[in-house]
Protein backbone atom coordinates (compact mmCIF):
# COMPACT_ATOMS: atom_id res chain seq x y z
CA MET A 1 50.25 9.99 -215.26
CA ILE A 2 49.28 6.47 -216.30
CA LEU A 3 46.90 6.20 -213.35
CA TYR A 4 45.19 9.45 -214.33
CA ALA A 5 44.89 8.22 -217.92
CA ILE A 6 43.31 4.95 -216.82
CA SER A 7 41.00 6.31 -214.14
CA GLY A 8 40.67 9.95 -215.17
CA ASN A 9 36.89 10.03 -214.95
CA ALA A 10 36.40 7.52 -212.14
CA GLY A 11 33.95 8.78 -209.55
CA GLY A 12 32.88 11.65 -211.79
CA TYR A 13 35.88 13.82 -210.86
CA HIS A 14 36.61 14.73 -214.51
CA MET A 15 40.38 14.51 -214.10
CA THR A 16 41.10 13.59 -217.72
CA LYS A 17 42.60 17.06 -218.29
CA MET A 18 45.23 16.21 -215.69
CA VAL A 19 46.90 13.89 -218.20
CA ALA A 20 47.32 16.76 -220.66
CA ALA A 21 48.76 19.01 -217.97
CA ILE A 22 51.25 16.36 -216.88
CA LEU A 23 52.28 15.69 -220.48
CA ILE A 24 52.85 19.40 -221.09
CA SER A 25 54.88 19.64 -217.91
CA PHE A 26 57.16 16.71 -218.74
CA GLY A 27 57.30 17.66 -222.41
CA CYS A 28 58.62 21.10 -221.54
CA TYR A 29 60.97 19.99 -218.77
CA LEU A 30 62.74 17.17 -220.60
CA PRO A 31 64.38 19.36 -223.29
CA VAL A 32 65.52 21.79 -220.60
CA THR A 33 67.29 19.06 -218.66
CA LEU A 34 68.86 17.59 -221.79
CA PHE A 35 69.92 20.68 -223.74
CA SER A 36 70.24 23.59 -221.31
CA LYS A 37 74.06 23.39 -221.21
CA THR A 38 74.45 23.69 -224.98
CA LYS A 39 71.43 25.88 -225.78
CA PRO A 40 70.53 28.16 -222.85
CA LYS A 41 67.43 29.61 -224.58
CA VAL A 42 65.72 26.25 -224.23
CA GLY A 43 65.31 27.28 -220.58
CA LEU A 44 62.35 29.39 -221.70
CA LEU A 45 60.37 26.15 -221.77
CA MET A 46 60.21 26.41 -217.99
CA ILE A 47 57.48 29.07 -218.45
CA PRO A 48 54.87 26.73 -220.02
CA LYS A 49 55.94 24.04 -217.53
CA THR A 50 55.11 26.41 -214.70
CA CYS A 51 51.79 27.28 -216.35
CA ALA A 52 50.98 23.57 -216.52
CA TYR A 53 51.72 23.31 -212.78
CA MET A 54 49.39 26.23 -212.12
CA TRP A 55 46.72 24.49 -214.20
CA ILE A 56 47.16 21.34 -212.09
CA ILE A 57 46.74 23.41 -208.91
CA ALA A 58 43.63 25.08 -210.34
CA MET A 59 42.12 21.69 -211.19
CA GLY A 60 42.86 20.49 -207.66
CA LEU A 61 41.30 23.54 -206.08
CA GLN A 62 38.25 23.20 -208.28
CA LEU A 63 37.94 19.59 -207.16
CA LEU A 64 38.22 20.63 -203.51
CA GLY A 65 35.54 23.27 -204.05
CA SER A 66 33.17 20.69 -205.49
CA TRP A 67 33.63 18.50 -202.41
CA ASN A 68 32.64 21.29 -200.04
CA GLY A 69 29.52 22.42 -201.81
């Protein structure tokens, strides 16, 4: 995450949004790992974490598409 924050726009790849997606992912996963035994409903935070992963995949595919064309 630190590398993306430092070099997010290096080479014109526009990967600065990747930092936000990684922060959302970790921000949603950390409470689940810490509090899921005592508060099971906190497990619902896995949904936005999964959405952040899908966003990361979409950004990667978009980057691959820009390389080909």
